């Protein structure tokens, strides 16, 4: 593979080669392309979840937390409800 990289990117490739983690410049480029590809796939997976959150905001399905104490209380409530659901599922399974 032949690459004509701008000087700053060629320097980046040289730095990566100097670490010994990569055997060739092509290996560095392949790793970078793989990382970019993976990041795009992850972003695509997150897009529907982001839209779901934005839709909830528009509908007013939010919890407003104004202090550390309210945040602690919120998470304690989440944990309590989770424990209750777990215990109910254990009772139902037995």
N, C-alpha and C. Protein backbone atom coordinates (compact mmCIF):
# COMPACT_ATOMS: atom_id res chain seq x y z
N UNK A 1 0.86 -1.16 0.00
CA UNK A 1 0.00 0.00 0.00
C UNK A 1 0.91 1.23 0.00
N UNK A 2 0.62 2.14 -0.90
CA UNK A 2 1.38 3.38 -0.96
C UNK A 2 0.52 4.51 -0.44
N UNK A 3 1.08 5.29 0.47
CA UNK A 3 0.35 6.40 1.07
C UNK A 3 1.14 7.68 0.91
N UNK A 4 0.47 8.71 0.48
CA UNK A 4 1.07 10.04 0.43
C UNK A 4 0.41 10.86 1.53
N UNK A 5 1.06 10.90 2.67
CA UNK A 5 0.50 11.57 3.83
C UNK A 5 1.10 12.94 4.00
N UNK A 6 0.30 13.88 4.52
CA UNK A 6 0.87 15.18 4.88
C UNK A 6 1.94 14.98 5.95
N UNK A 7 2.87 15.91 6.06
CA UNK A 7 3.99 15.74 6.98
C UNK A 7 3.60 15.42 8.42
N UNK A 8 2.56 16.07 8.95
CA UNK A 8 2.18 15.82 10.35
C UNK A 8 1.66 14.39 10.53
N UNK A 9 0.96 13.86 9.53
CA UNK A 9 0.48 12.49 9.64
C UNK A 9 1.61 11.49 9.42
N UNK A 10 2.52 11.81 8.53
CA UNK A 10 3.69 10.94 8.34
C UNK A 10 4.52 10.88 9.62
N UNK A 11 4.61 12.01 10.32
CA UNK A 11 5.34 12.04 11.59
C UNK A 11 4.62 11.17 12.63
N UNK A 12 3.30 11.21 12.62
CA UNK A 12 2.52 10.37 13.53
C UNK A 12 2.80 8.90 13.26
N UNK A 13 2.81 8.52 11.99
CA UNK A 13 3.09 7.13 11.62
C UNK A 13 4.50 6.76 12.09
N UNK A 14 5.46 7.65 11.89
CA UNK A 14 6.83 7.38 12.33
C UNK A 14 6.89 7.18 13.85
N UNK A 15 6.14 8.00 14.59
CA UNK A 15 6.10 7.86 16.05
C UNK A 15 5.56 6.49 16.45
N UNK A 16 4.50 6.06 15.77
CA UNK A 16 3.91 4.76 16.08
C UNK A 16 4.88 3.63 15.74
N UNK A 17 5.58 3.75 14.64
CA UNK A 17 6.57 2.75 14.27
C UNK A 17 7.68 2.67 15.32
N UNK A 18 8.08 3.82 15.84
CA UNK A 18 9.17 3.88 16.81
C UNK A 18 8.81 3.17 18.12
N UNK A 19 7.51 3.02 18.40
CA UNK A 19 7.11 2.32 19.63
C UNK A 19 7.37 0.82 19.54
N UNK A 20 7.51 0.32 18.33
CA UNK A 20 7.71 -1.11 18.14
C UNK A 20 6.42 -1.91 18.09
N UNK A 21 5.31 -1.24 18.26
CA UNK A 21 4.02 -1.92 18.23
C UNK A 21 3.63 -2.34 16.81
N UNK A 22 4.14 -1.63 15.83
CA UNK A 22 3.82 -1.89 14.43
C UNK A 22 5.09 -2.22 13.66
N UNK A 23 4.97 -3.15 12.72
CA UNK A 23 6.13 -3.56 11.93
C UNK A 23 6.34 -2.66 10.72
N UNK A 24 5.23 -2.15 10.16
CA UNK A 24 5.34 -1.33 8.95
C UNK A 24 4.40 -0.15 9.04
N UNK A 25 4.63 0.81 8.16
CA UNK A 25 3.74 1.97 8.06
C UNK A 25 2.34 1.52 7.65
N UNK A 26 2.28 0.51 6.79
CA UNK A 26 0.97 -0.01 6.39
C UNK A 26 0.20 -0.54 7.59
N UNK A 27 0.90 -1.18 8.51
CA UNK A 27 0.24 -1.69 9.72
C UNK A 27 -0.36 -0.55 10.53
N UNK A 28 0.33 0.57 10.61
CA UNK A 28 -0.18 1.74 11.33
C UNK A 28 -1.44 2.26 10.64
N UNK A 29 -1.37 2.39 9.33
CA UNK A 29 -2.52 2.91 8.58
C UNK A 29 -3.72 1.98 8.72
N UNK A 30 -3.50 0.68 8.61
CA UNK A 30 -4.59 -0.29 8.76
C UNK A 30 -5.21 -0.17 10.15
N UNK A 31 -4.40 -0.05 11.18
CA UNK A 31 -4.92 0.08 12.54
C UNK A 31 -5.75 1.35 12.68
N UNK A 32 -5.28 2.43 12.09
CA UNK A 32 -6.03 3.70 12.17
C UNK A 32 -7.36 3.61 11.43
N UNK A 33 -7.34 2.99 10.26
CA UNK A 33 -8.58 2.82 9.50
C UNK A 33 -9.54 1.92 10.26
N UNK A 34 -9.02 0.84 10.86
CA UNK A 34 -9.85 -0.06 11.64
C UNK A 34 -10.49 0.68 12.82
N UNK A 35 -9.70 1.51 13.49
CA UNK A 35 -10.23 2.29 14.62
C UNK A 35 -11.33 3.25 14.15
N UNK A 36 -11.10 3.90 13.01
CA UNK A 36 -12.11 4.83 12.48
C UNK A 36 -13.39 4.08 12.12
N UNK A 37 -13.22 2.92 11.50
CA UNK A 37 -14.37 2.09 11.13
C UNK A 37 -15.16 1.67 12.38
N UNK A 38 -14.47 1.21 13.39
CA UNK A 38 -15.12 0.79 14.63
C UNK A 38 -15.84 1.95 15.30
N UNK A 39 -15.20 3.11 15.32
CA UNK A 39 -15.82 4.29 15.93
C UNK A 39 -17.11 4.66 15.19
N UNK A 40 -17.11 4.59 13.87
CA UNK A 40 -18.31 4.91 13.10
C UNK A 40 -19.43 3.90 13.40
N UNK A 41 -19.08 2.62 13.52
CA UNK A 41 -20.08 1.61 13.85
C UNK A 41 -20.67 1.86 15.22
N UNK A 42 -19.82 2.22 16.19
CA UNK A 42 -20.31 2.49 17.54
C UNK A 42 -21.21 3.72 17.55
N UNK A 43 -20.83 4.74 16.81
CA UNK A 43 -21.66 5.95 16.73
C UNK A 43 -23.01 5.63 16.10
N UNK A 44 -23.01 4.78 15.07
CA UNK A 44 -24.27 4.39 14.44
C UNK A 44 -25.15 3.61 15.41
N UNK A 45 -24.55 2.77 16.24
CA UNK A 45 -25.30 2.03 17.25
C UNK A 45 -25.89 2.95 18.31
N UNK A 46 -25.19 4.03 18.62
CA UNK A 46 -25.65 4.95 19.66
C UNK A 46 -26.71 5.93 19.16
N UNK A 47 -26.76 6.15 17.86
CA UNK A 47 -27.67 7.15 17.31
C UNK A 47 -29.13 6.93 17.72
N UNK A 48 -29.66 5.70 17.61
CA UNK A 48 -31.06 5.50 18.04
C UNK A 48 -31.26 5.77 19.53
N UNK A 49 -30.26 5.44 20.34
CA UNK A 49 -30.38 5.70 21.78
C UNK A 49 -30.36 7.20 22.07
N UNK A 50 -29.54 7.91 21.34
CA UNK A 50 -29.51 9.37 21.48
C UNK A 50 -30.86 9.96 21.09
N UNK A 51 -31.42 9.48 19.99
CA UNK A 51 -32.72 9.99 19.56
C UNK A 51 -33.79 9.68 20.59
N UNK A 52 -33.73 8.49 21.18
CA UNK A 52 -34.69 8.12 22.21
C UNK A 52 -34.60 9.09 23.40
N UNK A 53 -33.37 9.43 23.79
CA UNK A 53 -33.18 10.39 24.88
C UNK A 53 -33.71 11.77 24.53
N UNK A 54 -33.45 12.22 23.32
CA UNK A 54 -33.95 13.53 22.88
C UNK A 54 -35.48 13.53 22.83
N UNK A 55 -36.06 12.42 22.36
CA UNK A 55 -37.53 12.32 22.34
C UNK A 55 -38.10 12.39 23.75
N UNK A 56 -37.44 11.71 24.69
CA UNK A 56 -37.89 11.76 26.09
C UNK A 56 -37.81 13.18 26.64
N UNK A 57 -36.75 13.88 26.30
CA UNK A 57 -36.63 15.28 26.74
C UNK A 57 -37.79 16.11 26.22
N UNK A 58 -38.11 15.95 24.95
CA UNK A 58 -39.21 16.71 24.36
C UNK A 58 -40.55 16.39 25.02
N UNK A 59 -40.71 15.13 25.45
CA UNK A 59 -41.96 14.71 26.10
C UNK A 59 -42.00 15.09 27.58
N UNK A 60 -40.87 15.56 28.10
CA UNK A 60 -40.81 15.92 29.51
C UNK A 60 -40.52 14.73 30.42
N UNK A 61 -40.09 13.62 29.86
CA UNK A 61 -39.76 12.44 30.65
C UNK A 61 -38.34 12.58 31.20
N UNK A 62 -38.19 13.43 32.18
CA UNK A 62 -36.86 13.71 32.73
C UNK A 62 -36.93 13.77 34.25
N UNK A 63 -35.78 13.63 34.86
CA UNK A 63 -35.65 13.81 36.30
C UNK A 63 -34.65 14.95 36.48
N UNK A 64 -35.08 15.99 37.14
CA UNK A 64 -34.19 17.12 37.37
C UNK A 64 -33.51 16.95 38.72
N UNK A 65 -32.20 16.97 38.71
CA UNK A 65 -31.41 16.80 39.92
C UNK A 65 -30.56 18.04 40.10
N UNK A 66 -30.73 18.69 41.25
CA UNK A 66 -30.08 19.99 41.46
C UNK A 66 -28.94 19.95 42.47
N UNK A 67 -28.73 18.82 43.12
CA UNK A 67 -27.68 18.78 44.14
C UNK A 67 -27.09 17.38 44.22
N UNK A 68 -25.97 17.29 44.87
CA UNK A 68 -25.35 15.98 45.10
C UNK A 68 -26.25 15.10 45.95
N UNK A 69 -26.94 15.70 46.90
CA UNK A 69 -27.82 14.94 47.77
C UNK A 69 -28.97 14.34 46.96
N UNK A 70 -29.54 15.13 46.05
CA UNK A 70 -30.62 14.62 45.20
C UNK A 70 -30.10 13.51 44.29
N UNK A 71 -28.88 13.66 43.81
CA UNK A 71 -28.29 12.62 42.96
C UNK A 71 -28.09 11.33 43.75
N UNK A 72 -27.57 11.46 44.97
CA UNK A 72 -27.39 10.28 45.83
C UNK A 72 -28.73 9.61 46.10
N UNK A 73 -29.75 10.41 46.40
CA UNK A 73 -31.07 9.86 46.70
C UNK A 73 -31.65 9.16 45.46
N UNK A 74 -31.44 9.74 44.31
CA UNK A 74 -31.92 9.15 43.07
C UNK A 74 -31.31 7.77 42.86
N UNK A 75 -29.98 7.67 43.01
CA UNK A 75 -29.33 6.39 42.79
C UNK A 75 -29.67 5.37 43.88
N UNK A 76 -29.86 5.84 45.09
CA UNK A 76 -30.29 4.92 46.15
C UNK A 76 -31.67 4.35 45.82
N UNK A 77 -32.54 5.18 45.28
CA UNK A 77 -33.87 4.72 44.89
C UNK A 77 -33.77 3.71 43.74
N UNK A 78 -32.91 3.98 42.78
CA UNK A 78 -32.71 3.05 41.67
C UNK A 78 -32.22 1.71 42.20
N UNK A 79 -31.24 1.75 43.10
CA UNK A 79 -30.72 0.51 43.68
C UNK A 79 -31.80 -0.24 44.46
N UNK A 80 -32.60 0.50 45.24
CA UNK A 80 -33.67 -0.12 46.03
C UNK A 80 -34.67 -0.82 45.12
N UNK A 81 -35.09 -0.12 44.06
CA UNK A 81 -36.06 -0.71 43.14
C UNK A 81 -35.46 -1.91 42.41
N UNK A 82 -34.18 -1.83 42.08
CA UNK A 82 -33.51 -2.95 41.43
C UNK A 82 -33.46 -4.17 42.33
N UNK A 83 -33.14 -3.94 43.61
CA UNK A 83 -33.11 -5.04 44.57
C UNK A 83 -34.49 -5.68 44.72
N UNK A 84 -35.51 -4.83 44.78
CA UNK A 84 -36.88 -5.34 44.91
C UNK A 84 -37.26 -6.19 43.70
N UNK A 85 -36.93 -5.72 42.51
CA UNK A 85 -37.25 -6.49 41.30
C UNK A 85 -36.48 -7.81 41.28
N UNK A 86 -35.23 -7.76 41.70
CA UNK A 86 -34.43 -8.98 41.74
C UNK A 86 -35.04 -9.98 42.72
N UNK A 87 -35.38 -9.50 43.90
CA UNK A 87 -35.98 -10.39 44.91
C UNK A 87 -37.30 -10.98 44.42
N UNK A 88 -38.09 -10.17 43.74
CA UNK A 88 -39.37 -10.68 43.20
C UNK A 88 -39.10 -11.75 42.14
N UNK A 89 -38.10 -11.54 41.32
CA UNK A 89 -37.80 -12.54 40.27
C UNK A 89 -37.27 -13.82 40.90
N UNK A 90 -36.53 -13.70 42.01
CA UNK A 90 -36.02 -14.89 42.68
C UNK A 90 -37.16 -15.67 43.33
N UNK A 91 -38.11 -14.95 43.93
CA UNK A 91 -39.26 -15.62 44.54
C UNK A 91 -40.12 -16.30 43.47
N UNK A 92 -40.29 -15.65 42.34
CA UNK A 92 -41.10 -16.22 41.27
C UNK A 92 -40.44 -17.44 40.65
N UNK A 93 -39.11 -17.48 40.67
CA UNK A 93 -38.38 -18.59 40.08
C UNK A 93 -38.36 -19.81 40.99
N UNK A 94 -38.64 -19.60 42.28
CA UNK A 94 -38.57 -20.75 43.21
C UNK A 94 -39.91 -21.33 43.52
